Amino acid sequence: DVQLVESGGGSVQAGGSLRLSCAASGYSYNRNCMAWFRQAPGKEREGVARIATGSGNTYYADSVKGRFTISQDNAKNTVYLQMNSLKPEDTATYYCATDRGASGRYVGMGCVFKSWGQGTQVTVS
């Protein structure tokens, strides 16, 4: 079964940084879409950043361009989200997603996402 385990959330002051990690298991990591989404209370889920694990091609939402960086360590089947210059509006639960598995279907950022992690909270004050 596909498993995605996020870590690295926390509370920081505006202007600070955090790095989120998402460890993937249960499927072939090569050539798939991995992404970070976020959802704040009362708001819709928002795609933040996406990486194609085969080519390394990335995509960023306008709201995070220049501040967030998505990267990967193929040897560890892990995707990262480096978040710099954090703002209070970045406060949300952040979820890792992949286009493998069968836990749902969400179309966005050029991929169809089918499996999700449990989420990690990021609070910026």
Protein backbone atom coordinates (compact mmCIF):
# COMPACT_ATOMS: atom_id res chain seq x y z
CA ASP A 1 0.00 0.00 0.00
CA VAL A 2 1.08 3.54 -0.71
CA GLN A 3 2.21 5.39 2.39
CA LEU A 4 3.21 9.01 2.67
CA VAL A 5 4.53 10.26 5.99
CA GLU A 6 5.02 13.99 6.49
CA SER A 7 7.18 15.63 9.11
CA GLY A 8 8.75 18.98 9.87
CA GLY A 9 5.79 21.19 10.64
CA GLY A 10 5.75 23.57 13.57
CA SER A 11 5.27 27.14 14.70
CA VAL A 12 7.47 29.99 13.52
CA GLN A 13 7.39 33.75 13.42
CA ALA A 14 6.77 35.61 10.20
CA GLY A 15 9.92 35.72 8.12
CA GLY A 16 11.13 32.39 9.44
CA SER A 17 11.75 29.10 7.69
CA LEU A 18 10.65 25.49 7.94
CA ARG A 19 11.43 22.38 5.95
CA LEU A 20 8.81 19.72 5.47
CA SER A 21 9.64 16.14 4.54
CA CYS A 22 7.50 13.45 2.96
CA ALA A 23 8.75 9.88 2.99
CA ALA A 24 7.06 7.68 0.38
CA SER A 25 6.79 3.90 0.46
CA GLY A 26 4.74 1.05 -0.96
CA TYR A 27 5.19 1.87 -4.63
CA SER A 28 7.82 2.57 -7.25
CA TYR A 29 8.98 6.09 -6.60
CA ASN A 30 10.41 6.65 -10.06
CA ARG A 31 8.54 8.76 -12.59
CA ASN A 32 5.61 9.91 -10.58
CA CYS A 33 4.17 13.19 -9.46
CA MET A 34 4.74 14.28 -5.90
CA ALA A 35 3.29 17.44 -4.50
CA TRP A 36 2.52 19.52 -1.47
CA PHE A 37 -0.94 20.86 -0.83
CA ARG A 38 -2.22 22.94 2.05
CA GLN A 39 -5.56 23.64 3.60
CA ALA A 40 -6.41 26.31 6.14
CA PRO A 41 -9.59 26.19 8.23
CA GLY A 42 -12.56 27.34 6.19
CA LYS A 43 -10.58 27.45 2.97
CA GLU A 44 -10.28 25.15 -0.01
CA ARG A 45 -7.32 22.86 -0.54
CA GLU A 46 -4.56 24.66 -2.43
CA GLY A 47 -1.80 23.12 -4.51
CA VAL A 48 1.50 24.60 -3.35
CA ALA A 49 4.26 22.87 -5.31
CA ARG A 50 4.74 19.80 -7.49
CA ILE A 51 7.73 17.84 -8.70
CA ALA A 52 7.93 15.19 -11.40
CA THR A 53 10.26 12.67 -9.80
CA GLY A 54 11.65 11.42 -13.11
CA SER A 55 12.52 14.70 -14.79
CA GLY A 56 12.73 16.93 -11.73
CA ASN A 57 10.35 19.39 -13.36
CA THR A 58 8.72 21.63 -10.78
CA TYR A 59 5.64 23.80 -10.51
CA TYR A 60 4.78 26.41 -7.90
CA ALA A 61 1.65 28.28 -6.99
CA ASP A 62 1.99 32.02 -7.49
CA SER A 63 1.48 32.55 -3.79
CA VAL A 64 4.73 30.76 -2.91
CA LYS A 65 6.99 31.40 -5.89
CA GLY A 66 10.37 32.67 -4.83
CA ARG A 67 9.81 31.60 -1.21
CA PHE A 68 9.22 27.83 -1.32
CA THR A 69 11.36 25.18 -2.97
CA ILE A 70 10.32 21.58 -3.63
CA SER A 71 13.11 19.04 -3.94
CA GLN A 72 13.67 15.32 -3.68
CA ASP A 73 16.12 12.69 -2.58
CA ASN A 74 15.50 9.72 -4.85
CA ALA A 75 17.71 7.45 -2.76
CA LYS A 76 15.43 8.05 0.21
CA ASN A 77 12.13 8.25 -1.71
CA THR A 78 11.60 11.55 0.03
CA VAL A 79 10.28 14.90 -1.11
CA TYR A 80 11.00 18.13 0.71
CA LEU A 81 9.40 21.54 0.87
CA GLN A 82 11.74 24.29 1.99
CA MET A 83 9.66 27.25 3.11
CA ASN A 84 11.39 30.59 3.57
CA SER A 85 10.07 34.08 4.31
CA LEU A 86 6.98 32.56 5.85
CA LYS A 87 3.88 34.70 6.21
CA PRO A 88 0.87 34.34 8.50
CA GLU A 89 -1.20 33.46 5.44
CA ASP A 90 0.97 30.35 4.99
CA THR A 91 -0.61 28.92 8.13
CA ALA A 92 -2.32 25.66 7.20
CA THR A 93 -2.13 21.91 7.38
CA TYR A 94 0.28 20.76 4.70
CA TYR A 95 -0.28 17.48 2.92
CA CYS A 96 1.99 15.43 0.72
CA ALA A 97 0.40 13.69 -2.27
CA THR A 98 1.32 11.31 -5.06
CA ASP A 99 -0.33 10.17 -8.26
CA ARG A 100 0.06 6.53 -7.21
CA GLY A 101 -2.37 4.46 -5.17
CA ALA A 102 -6.14 4.64 -4.99
CA SER A 103 -7.22 6.76 -2.04
CA GLY A 104 -8.95 9.42 -4.04
CA ARG A 105 -8.69 11.48 -7.17
CA TYR A 106 -7.71 15.12 -7.26
CA VAL A 107 -6.69 16.84 -10.46
CA GLY A 108 -4.23 19.69 -10.15
CA MET A 109 -0.80 21.01 -11.08
CA GLY A 110 -0.74 18.77 -14.15
CA CYS A 111 -1.25 15.50 -12.29
CA VAL A 112 -4.02 13.32 -10.86
CA PHE A 113 -3.30 12.78 -7.19
CA LYS A 114 -4.54 9.57 -5.63
CA SER A 115 -2.86 9.18 -2.26
CA TRP A 116 -2.29 11.58 0.63
CA GLY A 117 -0.32 11.80 3.81
CA GLN A 118 -1.82 12.55 7.18
CA GLY A 119 -0.76 16.20 7.14
CA THR A 120 1.53 18.35 9.23
CA GLN A 121 0.57 21.67 10.79
CA VAL A 122 2.42 24.87 9.96
CA THR A 123 1.60 27.95 12.02
CA VAL A 124 3.11 31.34 11.26
CA SER A 125 2.54 34.19 13.68
